[in-house]
Protein backbone atom coordinates (compact mmCIF):
# COMPACT_ATOMS: atom_id res chain seq x y z
CA UNK A 1 -91.85 89.18 -53.44
CA UNK A 2 -93.87 90.41 -56.38
CA UNK A 3 -92.21 92.97 -58.51
CA UNK A 4 -94.91 95.59 -57.82
CA UNK A 5 -94.47 95.21 -54.07
CA UNK A 6 -90.73 95.37 -54.37
CA UNK A 7 -90.90 98.66 -56.31
CA UNK A 8 -93.32 100.12 -53.75
CA UNK A 9 -90.88 99.27 -51.00
CA UNK A 10 -88.06 101.09 -52.78
CA UNK A 11 -90.24 104.13 -53.34
CA UNK A 12 -91.15 104.26 -49.63
CA UNK A 13 -87.51 104.22 -48.67
CA UNK A 14 -86.42 106.88 -51.17
CA UNK A 15 -87.56 109.76 -48.93
CA UNK A 16 -85.56 108.31 -46.11
CA UNK A 17 -82.52 108.02 -48.30
CA UNK A 18 -82.88 111.64 -49.52
CA UNK A 19 -83.01 112.87 -45.94
CA UNK A 20 -80.18 110.84 -44.58
CA UNK A 21 -77.81 110.14 -47.45
CA UNK A 22 -75.50 112.93 -46.24
CA UNK A 23 -74.13 110.67 -43.47
CA UNK A 24 -74.84 107.11 -44.70
CA UNK A 25 -71.73 105.22 -45.96
CA UNK A 26 -68.29 103.92 -44.95
CA UNK A 27 -65.83 105.72 -42.74
CA UNK A 28 -62.19 104.81 -42.06
CA UNK A 29 -60.25 105.56 -38.84
CA UNK A 30 -57.76 108.27 -39.47
CA UNK A 31 -54.32 107.25 -38.14
CA UNK A 32 -50.75 107.44 -39.45
CA UNK A 33 -50.00 104.94 -42.30
CA UNK A 34 -47.68 102.93 -39.98
CA UNK A 35 -50.32 102.65 -37.20
CA UNK A 36 -51.06 99.08 -36.09
CA UNK A 37 -54.74 99.82 -35.22
CA UNK A 38 -57.38 99.88 -37.96
CA UNK A 39 -61.05 100.74 -37.86
CA UNK A 40 -63.99 100.90 -40.24
CA UNK A 41 -67.42 102.35 -39.47
CA UNK A 42 -70.46 101.65 -41.70
CA UNK A 43 -73.71 103.63 -41.29
CA UNK A 44 -76.92 102.61 -43.04
CA UNK A 45 -79.89 104.96 -42.58
CA UNK A 46 -83.24 103.23 -41.75
CA UNK A 47 -85.08 106.39 -40.90
CA UNK A 48 -84.61 110.19 -40.79
CA UNK A 49 -82.91 109.86 -37.44
CA UNK A 50 -82.03 106.16 -37.15
CA UNK A 51 -79.20 104.04 -38.40
CA UNK A 52 -77.91 100.49 -38.46
CA UNK A 53 -74.20 100.48 -37.90
CA UNK A 54 -71.18 98.14 -38.05
CA UNK A 55 -67.87 99.04 -36.44
CA UNK A 56 -64.87 96.76 -36.88
CA UNK A 57 -61.63 97.49 -35.00
CA UNK A 58 -58.35 95.61 -35.47
CA UNK A 59 -55.84 95.86 -32.60
CA UNK A 60 -52.06 95.64 -32.59
CA UNK A 61 -52.26 91.85 -32.15
CA UNK A 62 -54.40 91.46 -35.23
CA UNK A 63 -57.62 90.62 -33.26
CA UNK A 64 -60.83 91.95 -34.71
CA UNK A 65 -63.60 93.22 -32.43
CA UNK A 66 -67.04 93.86 -34.02
CA UNK A 67 -69.67 96.27 -32.69
CA UNK A 68 -73.03 96.39 -34.43
CA UNK A 69 -76.71 97.21 -34.08
CA UNK A 70 -77.93 93.65 -34.25
CA UNK A 71 -80.51 94.38 -31.48
CA UNK A 72 -82.00 97.28 -33.34
CA UNK A 73 -81.19 100.63 -34.95
CA UNK A 74 -79.59 103.52 -33.03
CA UNK A 75 -81.42 106.85 -32.84
CA UNK A 76 -79.95 110.28 -33.47
CA UNK A 77 -79.95 112.73 -30.54
CA UNK A 78 -78.32 116.22 -30.67
CA UNK A 79 -76.28 115.15 -33.67
CA UNK A 80 -75.00 112.00 -32.03
CA UNK A 81 -75.76 108.29 -32.27
CA UNK A 82 -75.23 106.60 -28.86
CA UNK A 83 -75.01 102.82 -28.72
CA UNK A 84 -75.12 100.96 -25.41
CA UNK A 85 -73.68 97.50 -24.97
CA UNK A 86 -76.75 95.22 -24.87
CA UNK A 87 -77.71 92.83 -22.05
CA UNK A 88 -76.72 94.97 -19.08
CA UNK A 89 -73.54 92.99 -18.30
CA UNK A 90 -71.38 96.03 -18.94
CA UNK A 91 -71.77 99.76 -18.51
CA UNK A 92 -70.35 100.63 -21.87
CA UNK A 93 -71.30 103.09 -24.59
CA UNK A 94 -70.10 104.23 -28.03
CA UNK A 95 -70.91 107.74 -29.16
CA UNK A 96 -70.80 108.60 -32.84
CA UNK A 97 -70.71 112.36 -33.30
CA UNK A 98 -71.83 113.31 -36.80
CA UNK A 99 -70.70 116.97 -36.47
CA UNK A 100 -67.27 117.06 -34.75
CA UNK A 101 -65.23 120.25 -34.65
CA UNK A 102 -61.55 120.87 -35.01
CA UNK A 103 -59.64 123.20 -32.72
CA UNK A 104 -61.18 126.65 -32.92
CA UNK A 105 -64.69 125.29 -33.55
CA UNK A 106 -64.15 124.67 -37.20
CA UNK A 107 -66.59 121.90 -38.49
CA UNK A 108 -64.93 118.74 -39.85
CA UNK A 109 -66.59 117.75 -43.08
CA UNK A 110 -67.34 114.07 -43.94
CA UNK A 111 -65.98 113.11 -40.53
CA UNK A 112 -67.45 111.25 -37.54
CA UNK A 113 -65.89 111.23 -34.13
CA UNK A 114 -66.25 107.90 -32.31
CA UNK A 115 -65.65 107.90 -28.53
CA UNK A 116 -66.30 105.33 -25.86
CA UNK A 117 -67.22 105.45 -22.23
CA UNK A 118 -66.45 102.51 -19.89
CA UNK A 119 -68.38 102.57 -16.64
CA UNK A 120 -68.68 99.87 -13.96
CA UNK A 121 -67.53 96.35 -14.88
CA UNK A 122 -65.03 95.05 -17.29
CA UNK A 123 -65.23 96.28 -20.90
CA UNK A 124 -66.34 93.80 -23.64
CA UNK A 125 -62.92 93.80 -25.38
CA UNK A 126 -59.21 93.98 -24.52
CA UNK A 127 -58.46 97.33 -22.93
CA UNK A 128 -55.79 98.17 -25.56
CA UNK A 129 -58.41 97.97 -28.35
CA UNK A 130 -59.88 101.42 -28.36
CA UNK A 131 -62.00 102.48 -31.35
CA UNK A 132 -61.76 106.17 -30.26
CA UNK A 133 -60.87 108.64 -33.01
CA UNK A 134 -61.90 110.44 -36.13
CA UNK A 135 -63.40 108.41 -38.94
CA UNK A 136 -63.27 110.05 -42.36
CA UNK A 137 -65.84 109.17 -45.02
CA UNK A 138 -64.72 107.11 -48.02
CA UNK A 139 -66.61 108.81 -50.81
CA UNK A 140 -66.35 105.78 -53.08
CA UNK A 141 -69.05 104.06 -50.99
CA UNK A 142 -72.77 104.91 -50.91
CA UNK A 143 -75.96 103.46 -49.53
CA UNK A 144 -79.01 102.63 -51.69
CA UNK A 145 -82.53 103.14 -50.43
CA UNK A 146 -82.98 99.46 -49.62
CA UNK A 147 -79.97 99.48 -47.33
CA UNK A 148 -77.42 97.89 -49.68
CA UNK A 149 -73.90 99.31 -49.53
CA UNK A 150 -72.09 99.83 -52.84
CA UNK A 151 -68.41 100.51 -53.71
CA UNK A 152 -68.13 102.69 -56.82
CA UNK A 153 -65.41 102.73 -59.36
CA UNK A 154 -66.01 105.01 -62.30
CA UNK A 155 -69.44 104.27 -63.78
CA UNK A 156 -69.61 100.83 -62.13
CA UNK A 157 -70.15 99.70 -58.61
CA UNK A 158 -70.21 96.45 -56.62
CA UNK A 159 -72.14 95.30 -53.54
CA UNK A 160 -69.93 95.83 -50.51
CA UNK A 161 -69.62 95.12 -46.87
CA UNK A 162 -71.71 97.14 -44.36
CA UNK A 163 -75.13 96.99 -45.94
CA UNK A 164 -78.29 95.42 -44.57
CA UNK A 165 -78.32 91.92 -46.00
CA UNK A 166 -80.95 89.53 -44.55
CA UNK A 167 -82.73 86.58 -46.06
CA UNK A 168 -82.59 87.13 -49.83
CA UNK A 169 -80.38 89.66 -51.68
CA UNK A 170 -81.40 90.61 -55.19
CA UNK A 171 -78.60 92.30 -57.10
CA UNK A 172 -79.94 94.87 -59.53
CA UNK A 173 -78.36 95.64 -62.92
CA UNK A 174 -78.18 99.38 -62.18
CA UNK A 175 -78.52 101.53 -59.06
CA UNK A 176 -78.88 105.26 -58.44
CA UNK A 177 -76.09 106.71 -56.36
CA UNK A 178 -75.43 110.18 -54.91
CA UNK A 179 -76.65 113.16 -56.86
CA UNK A 180 -78.80 110.90 -59.09
CA UNK A 181 -75.85 109.29 -60.86
CA UNK A 182 -76.75 105.91 -62.31
CA UNK A 183 -74.11 103.10 -61.88
CA UNK A 184 -74.04 99.70 -63.51
CA UNK A 185 -73.70 96.95 -60.90
CA UNK A 186 -70.75 94.71 -61.71
CA UNK A 187 -71.14 92.19 -58.94
CA UNK A 188 -70.47 91.44 -55.26
CA UNK A 189 -67.22 92.03 -53.40
CA UNK A 190 -65.57 89.11 -51.55
CA UNK A 191 -66.20 90.44 -47.99
CA UNK A 192 -69.67 91.86 -48.68
CA UNK A 193 -71.47 89.34 -46.49
CA UNK A 194 -68.74 88.84 -43.86
CA UNK A 195 -71.12 90.04 -41.11
CA UNK A 196 -74.45 89.03 -42.65
CA UNK A 197 -74.78 85.47 -41.37
CA UNK A 198 -78.55 85.32 -41.81
CA UNK A 199 -78.32 85.60 -45.56
CA UNK A 200 -80.02 82.58 -47.23
CA UNK A 201 -80.23 83.45 -50.94
CA UNK A 202 -78.49 85.62 -53.50
CA UNK A 203 -79.74 86.35 -57.03
CA UNK A 204 -78.01 88.35 -59.77
CA UNK A 205 -79.49 90.35 -62.55
CA UNK A 206 -77.39 89.01 -65.44
CA UNK A 207 -74.63 86.48 -66.08
CA UNK A 208 -72.01 89.18 -66.53
CA UNK A 209 -72.20 90.14 -62.85
CA UNK A 210 -69.50 88.45 -60.79
CA UNK A 211 -69.70 87.19 -57.17
CA UNK A 212 -66.12 87.46 -55.86
CA UNK A 213 -64.12 84.68 -54.22
CA UNK A 214 -65.39 83.63 -50.77
CA UNK A 215 -68.38 85.96 -50.86
CA UNK A 216 -70.83 83.16 -49.79
CA UNK A 217 -68.46 81.62 -47.18
CA UNK A 218 -70.06 83.41 -44.21
CA UNK A 219 -73.70 83.06 -45.19
CA UNK A 220 -76.43 80.42 -44.47
CA UNK A 221 -76.67 79.47 -48.15
CA UNK A 222 -76.17 75.69 -48.24
CA UNK A 223 -72.84 74.40 -49.50
CA UNK A 224 -73.01 71.04 -51.32
CA UNK A 225 -69.85 69.77 -52.96
CA UNK A 226 -71.76 67.24 -54.93
CA UNK A 227 -74.06 69.77 -56.48
CA UNK A 228 -71.77 72.65 -57.41
CA UNK A 229 -70.09 72.67 -60.81
CA UNK A 230 -66.43 71.55 -60.60
CA UNK A 231 -63.59 73.55 -62.12
CA UNK A 232 -61.80 72.61 -65.35
CA UNK A 233 -57.99 72.45 -65.76
CA UNK A 234 -56.61 74.75 -68.41
CA UNK A 235 -53.35 76.05 -69.75
CA UNK A 236 -52.33 79.46 -71.22
CA UNK A 237 -50.92 80.84 -74.43
CA UNK A 238 -47.42 82.38 -74.44
CA UNK A 239 -48.67 85.77 -73.29
CA UNK A 240 -50.65 84.11 -70.42
CA UNK A 241 -53.79 86.18 -71.00
CA UNK A 242 -55.72 83.45 -72.91
CA UNK A 243 -56.48 79.93 -71.65
CA UNK A 244 -57.98 76.84 -73.09
CA UNK A 245 -59.66 73.80 -71.57
CA UNK A 246 -58.44 70.88 -73.70
CA UNK A 247 -61.14 68.59 -75.00
CA UNK A 248 -61.31 64.99 -73.80
CA UNK A 249 -63.71 62.04 -74.14
CA UNK A 250 -66.91 62.88 -72.26
CA UNK A 251 -66.14 66.57 -72.21
CA UNK A 252 -69.19 68.75 -71.37
CA UNK A 253 -68.76 72.41 -72.34
CA UNK A 254 -68.93 74.77 -69.31
CA UNK A 255 -72.24 76.64 -69.19
CA UNK A 256 -70.87 79.90 -67.66
CA UNK A 257 -69.37 82.16 -70.35
CA UNK A 258 -67.98 84.50 -67.68
CA UNK A 259 -65.93 82.27 -65.34
CA UNK A 260 -62.84 82.90 -63.22
CA UNK A 261 -59.34 81.73 -63.86
CA UNK A 262 -57.47 80.58 -60.78
CA UNK A 263 -53.73 80.14 -60.33
CA UNK A 264 -52.37 79.67 -56.81
CA UNK A 265 -54.06 82.33 -54.69
CA UNK A 266 -54.82 84.56 -57.65
CA UNK A 267 -58.34 84.73 -59.11
CA UNK A 268 -59.16 86.79 -62.23
CA UNK A 269 -62.30 87.22 -64.32
CA UNK A 270 -62.40 85.82 -67.85
CA UNK A 271 -64.79 85.58 -70.76
CA UNK A 272 -65.32 82.74 -73.20
CA UNK A 273 -63.61 83.72 -76.47
CA UNK A 274 -63.55 80.60 -78.68
CA UNK A 275 -64.51 77.00 -79.23
CA UNK A 276 -62.67 74.54 -81.52
CA UNK A 277 -64.47 71.34 -80.49
CA UNK A 278 -65.34 69.49 -83.66
CA UNK A 279 -62.63 71.13 -85.68
CA UNK A 280 -60.96 68.37 -87.63
CA UNK A 281 -57.59 70.18 -87.70
CA UNK A 282 -57.51 70.71 -83.90
CA UNK A 283 -55.41 68.58 -81.61
CA UNK A 284 -56.53 67.02 -78.37
CA UNK A 285 -54.13 67.65 -75.57
CA UNK A 286 -51.59 70.29 -74.53
CA UNK A 287 -50.23 72.07 -77.60
CA UNK A 288 -47.91 74.77 -76.34
CA UNK A 289 -46.20 75.36 -79.64
CA UNK A 290 -49.44 75.87 -81.53
CA UNK A 291 -51.88 77.09 -78.80
CA UNK A 292 -54.69 77.95 -81.21
CA UNK A 293 -54.71 74.45 -82.64
CA UNK A 294 -55.84 72.96 -79.30
CA UNK A 295 -59.24 71.34 -79.44
CA UNK A 296 -61.15 72.91 -76.58
CA UNK A 297 -62.94 75.95 -75.16
CA UNK A 298 -61.02 79.30 -74.95
CA UNK A 299 -61.10 82.09 -72.40
CA UNK A 300 -59.58 85.54 -72.30
CA UNK A 301 -58.72 87.22 -69.03
CA UNK A 302 -60.57 90.48 -68.37
CA UNK A 303 -57.68 92.26 -66.53
CA UNK A 304 -54.94 94.66 -67.73
CA UNK A 305 -51.62 93.27 -68.87
CA UNK A 306 -49.87 94.59 -65.76
CA UNK A 307 -52.19 92.44 -63.59
CA UNK A 308 -51.59 89.41 -65.87
CA UNK A 309 -47.86 89.79 -65.26
CA UNK A 310 -48.43 90.08 -61.51
CA UNK A 311 -50.76 87.10 -61.39
CA UNK A 312 -48.21 84.76 -63.06
CA UNK A 313 -44.96 86.47 -61.87
CA UNK A 314 -42.10 83.99 -61.93
CA UNK A 315 -43.81 81.53 -64.25
CA UNK A 316 -43.47 81.01 -67.96
CA UNK A 317 -46.51 79.81 -69.88
CA UNK A 318 -45.19 76.27 -70.27
CA UNK A 319 -44.98 75.99 -66.45
CA UNK A 320 -48.57 76.94 -65.81
CA UNK A 321 -51.74 74.85 -65.32
CA UNK A 322 -54.69 76.80 -64.01
CA UNK A 323 -58.37 76.31 -63.26
CA UNK A 324 -61.37 77.73 -64.98
CA UNK A 325 -64.16 77.84 -62.42
CA UNK A 326 -67.69 79.19 -62.45
CA UNK A 327 -69.03 81.85 -60.15
CA UNK A 328 -70.71 79.54 -57.62
CA UNK A 329 -67.57 77.50 -57.04
CA UNK A 330 -65.47 80.67 -56.59
CA UNK A 331 -68.04 82.33 -54.34
CA UNK A 332 -68.10 79.34 -51.90
CA UNK A 333 -64.30 79.05 -51.57
CA UNK A 334 -61.34 81.06 -50.46
CA UNK A 335 -57.89 80.68 -51.88
CA UNK A 336 -55.11 81.20 -49.29
CA UNK A 337 -51.67 82.30 -50.29
CA UNK A 338 -49.10 79.48 -50.42
CA UNK A 339 -45.63 78.58 -51.62
CA UNK A 340 -44.91 75.48 -53.62
CA UNK A 341 -41.95 73.46 -54.80
CA UNK A 342 -40.99 74.47 -58.37
CA UNK A 343 -38.61 72.70 -60.65
CA UNK A 344 -35.59 73.02 -60.60
CA UNK A 345 -35.58 74.20 -56.98
CA UNK A 346 -33.90 72.05 -54.39
CA UNK A 347 -36.39 69.69 -52.86
CA UNK A 348 -37.11 69.89 -49.13
CA UNK A 349 -37.81 67.06 -46.81
CA UNK A 350 -41.09 67.01 -44.86
CA UNK A 351 -40.69 67.64 -41.08
CA UNK A 352 -39.26 64.60 -39.34
CA UNK A 353 -42.06 64.52 -36.73
CA UNK A 354 -44.67 64.47 -39.52
CA UNK A 355 -42.81 61.68 -41.42
CA UNK A 356 -42.69 59.62 -38.20
CA UNK A 357 -46.46 60.02 -37.74
CA UNK A 358 -47.16 58.89 -41.28
CA UNK A 359 -44.80 55.96 -41.08
CA UNK A 360 -46.43 54.81 -37.83
CA UNK A 361 -49.90 55.13 -39.33
CA UNK A 362 -49.12 53.06 -42.36
CA UNK A 363 -46.55 50.66 -40.83
CA UNK A 364 -44.03 50.86 -43.63
CA UNK A 365 -40.41 51.95 -43.93
CA UNK A 366 -39.91 55.40 -45.49
CA UNK A 367 -37.84 55.88 -48.65
CA UNK A 368 -37.97 59.65 -48.76
CA UNK A 369 -40.27 62.61 -48.07
CA UNK A 370 -41.00 65.94 -49.75
CA UNK A 371 -42.63 69.25 -48.88
CA UNK A 372 -44.98 69.93 -51.77
CA UNK A 373 -46.78 73.22 -50.70
CA UNK A 374 -47.23 75.31 -47.60
CA UNK A 375 -49.64 78.09 -46.64
CA UNK A 376 -48.05 81.45 -46.11
CA UNK A 377 -49.74 81.84 -42.70
CA UNK A 378 -48.02 78.71 -41.45
CA UNK A 379 -51.12 76.72 -40.58
CA UNK A 380 -51.18 74.21 -43.40
CA UNK A 381 -48.85 72.10 -45.49
CA UNK A 382 -49.01 69.33 -48.10
CA UNK A 383 -46.37 66.73 -47.74
CA UNK A 384 -45.50 63.61 -49.74
CA UNK A 385 -43.93 60.42 -48.28
CA UNK A 386 -42.89 57.45 -50.41
CA UNK A 387 -42.29 54.13 -48.68
CA UNK A 388 -39.75 51.47 -49.51
CA UNK A 389 -41.12 49.12 -52.15
CA UNK A 390 -42.61 45.95 -50.83
CA UNK A 391 -43.58 42.86 -52.96
CA UNK A 392 -43.13 44.84 -56.20
CA UNK A 393 -45.50 47.48 -54.96
CA UNK A 394 -44.72 51.20 -54.64
CA UNK A 395 -46.74 53.33 -52.20
CA UNK A 396 -46.88 57.02 -51.66
CA UNK A 397 -48.93 59.06 -49.13
CA UNK A 398 -50.10 62.69 -49.57
CA UNK A 399 -50.66 64.29 -46.19
CA UNK A 400 -52.35 67.56 -45.25
CA UNK A 401 -50.67 68.95 -42.14
CA UNK A 402 -52.48 71.32 -39.80
CA UNK A 403 -50.13 72.83 -37.22
CA UNK A 404 -47.92 69.92 -36.09
CA UNK A 405 -50.30 67.15 -36.80
CA UNK A 406 -51.40 65.02 -39.77
CA UNK A 407 -54.97 66.11 -40.53
CA UNK A 408 -55.80 63.97 -43.54
CA UNK A 409 -54.00 61.59 -45.81
CA UNK A 410 -54.39 59.83 -49.17
CA UNK A 411 -52.40 56.71 -50.09
CA UNK A 412 -51.69 55.64 -53.63
CA UNK A 413 -50.15 52.39 -54.74
CA UNK A 414 -48.89 50.95 -58.01
CA UNK A 415 -47.21 47.73 -59.20
CA UNK A 416 -43.63 48.16 -60.48
CA UNK A 417 -41.38 46.05 -62.58
CA UNK A 418 -38.42 44.32 -60.91
CA UNK A 419 -35.91 46.43 -62.78
CA UNK A 420 -37.15 49.53 -60.89
CA UNK A 421 -37.25 47.78 -57.57
CA UNK A 422 -34.58 49.99 -55.95
CA UNK A 423 -35.65 53.24 -57.65
CA UNK A 424 -38.11 55.80 -56.38
CA UNK A 425 -41.23 55.98 -58.58
CA UNK A 426 -40.56 59.66 -59.41
CA UNK A 427 -38.31 58.17 -62.16
CA UNK A 428 -40.78 55.52 -63.26
CA UNK A 429 -43.37 55.93 -66.01
CA UNK A 430 -46.32 55.66 -63.58
CA UNK A 431 -49.05 57.60 -65.57
CA UNK A 432 -48.48 60.64 -63.38
CA UNK A 433 -49.47 59.01 -60.16
CA UNK A 434 -46.34 59.61 -58.18
CA UNK A 435 -43.58 62.24 -57.74
CA UNK A 436 -43.89 65.90 -56.75
CA UNK A 437 -46.88 67.42 -58.56
CA UNK A 438 -47.48 71.10 -59.22
CA UNK A 439 -50.09 72.56 -56.85
CA UNK A 440 -52.38 74.66 -59.03
CA UNK A 441 -54.40 76.08 -56.13
CA UNK A 442 -55.54 75.32 -52.62
CA UNK A 443 -59.22 76.05 -52.02
CA UNK A 444 -60.94 76.18 -48.59
CA UNK A 445 -64.62 75.39 -48.28
CA UNK A 446 -66.92 77.14 -45.75
CA UNK A 447 -66.04 74.57 -43.05
CA UNK A 448 -62.24 75.20 -43.53
CA UNK A 449 -61.60 71.89 -45.35
CA UNK A 450 -59.09 72.02 -48.21
CA UNK A 451 -59.37 70.94 -51.84
CA UNK A 452 -55.91 70.76 -53.36
CA UNK A 453 -55.79 70.90 -57.15
CA UNK A 454 -52.67 69.28 -58.61
CA UNK A 455 -51.06 68.66 -61.95
CA UNK A 456 -48.43 65.96 -62.36
CA UNK A 457 -46.13 66.78 -65.31
CA UNK A 458 -44.39 63.90 -67.10
CA UNK A 459 -42.36 64.13 -70.39
CA UNK A 460 -45.34 63.09 -72.56
CA UNK A 461 -48.43 63.84 -70.48
CA UNK A 462 -50.01 65.92 -67.71
CA UNK A 463 -52.27 64.27 -65.19
CA UNK A 464 -54.81 66.55 -63.45
CA UNK A 465 -56.44 65.59 -60.15
CA UNK A 466 -57.47 67.00 -56.80
CA UNK A 467 -57.25 65.88 -53.17
CA UNK A 468 -60.38 66.85 -51.14
CA UNK A 469 -60.32 66.78 -47.35
CA UNK A 470 -63.14 64.63 -45.95
CA UNK A 471 -62.62 64.00 -42.28
CA UNK A 472 -59.15 62.46 -41.85
CA UNK A 473 -58.91 61.39 -45.48
CA UNK A 474 -57.86 63.17 -48.68
CA UNK A 475 -60.25 61.90 -51.29
CA UNK A 476 -58.60 61.69 -54.72
CA UNK A 477 -60.65 63.12 -57.55
CA UNK A 478 -59.47 62.47 -61.11
CA UNK A 479 -60.05 65.26 -63.67
CA UNK A 480 -58.16 64.63 -66.95
CA UNK A 481 -54.87 63.54 -68.50
CA UNK A 482 -53.56 65.53 -71.43
CA UNK A 483 -51.20 64.29 -74.04
CA UNK A 484 -48.24 66.70 -74.42
CA UNK A 485 -47.32 67.63 -78.02
CA UNK A 486 -43.63 68.34 -78.30
CA UNK A 487 -43.07 68.71 -82.05
CA UNK A 488 -45.77 70.25 -84.31
CA UNK A 489 -45.26 69.96 -88.08
């Protein structure tokens, strides 16, 4: 759209916004803190007496029911918006009263009363999922004239869930909020497009704006693993607030100067803060004892020290490998919470039923198995199975488990010397191929497939690789191998 036309469109909407901004925004269901039901109501003015709305209600079982005005805006009548379930299958209405009163006829400010009426036929949701109640306005949210919803924090704001997002979204550098206050736009929140499936393109105003993890997962923007920039493995300084990507042959410096740092399920913004490539005194590899002598590209986390401590809680710097990833990669993936085996914890065997499935699939006798990492929600697990050596060949299988079934596997083999014939290859110098690796993070793509990033630590080196789920296979992707400096003169 030409810039002139775009500006004209904003001006034509400004009068609507001025007339209706007193009720446009986000409202939260008011219940006791320990209540098991949650509700959020979003109103976006599209005319002096019309609104688009989104109402999400979570019941005691954790199910989410969504009501919205997909079939067209709802009109205001006598201070109420009344929405009827479309299609005629149910006699069901939601009434959103903009001017409710407390006992004694006292008006309730910044509050909307939502009530439902179920007529003939079964309601379109479980009967115990009632969105009835008072919804109080969250004053940190506001609606811009073009229908975008913003979440304000100080002088900054980010694009948020509940706005009208169709086709193309152009993120401005600044936006005018309530009472004429100008906010700088910092980026897009992770769930902003959760209910905007017709979105096909997003543009940002400058490189410093950040699209949060998973923000593009729910959209129609094409996801192509082969075209998006891949993350880089990195390691931290002692205070864990600076990271470096070690240089290696063929290294191509990341283009994004404002990437994210990822460790387990934690994702934090960072900014490029140094580059020692070409410095003759720099060392290529992992140089924990002299971090600033590493040849590579440096990044500094853009979060408070307390958040740094929380992000890496339980881990010393020498135990950490992380990812440095650009905005597009992070925006297309989610990072579920998981637990992982950590030295020197006691190793755990993989479930017997899973081991039997893997042994049957590969037709070899099992030497041992290990649980490597497991999602906190219980619906995913990475296991490792090593088979008995056969004809001087060691073989290990990584398996991604979904529920009680083997969803995808990757088999790796290596030739071994006769003196190690009876030993497991965890104790063999195998260039980091075998043994229990450290799971750096588990990413899920828009289709729900996993990409598991791992670092295999050995006494003198660290091998960085990933396992990407493609159908019933885990495709191994090699990233880098760092030499580990132990003594620095």
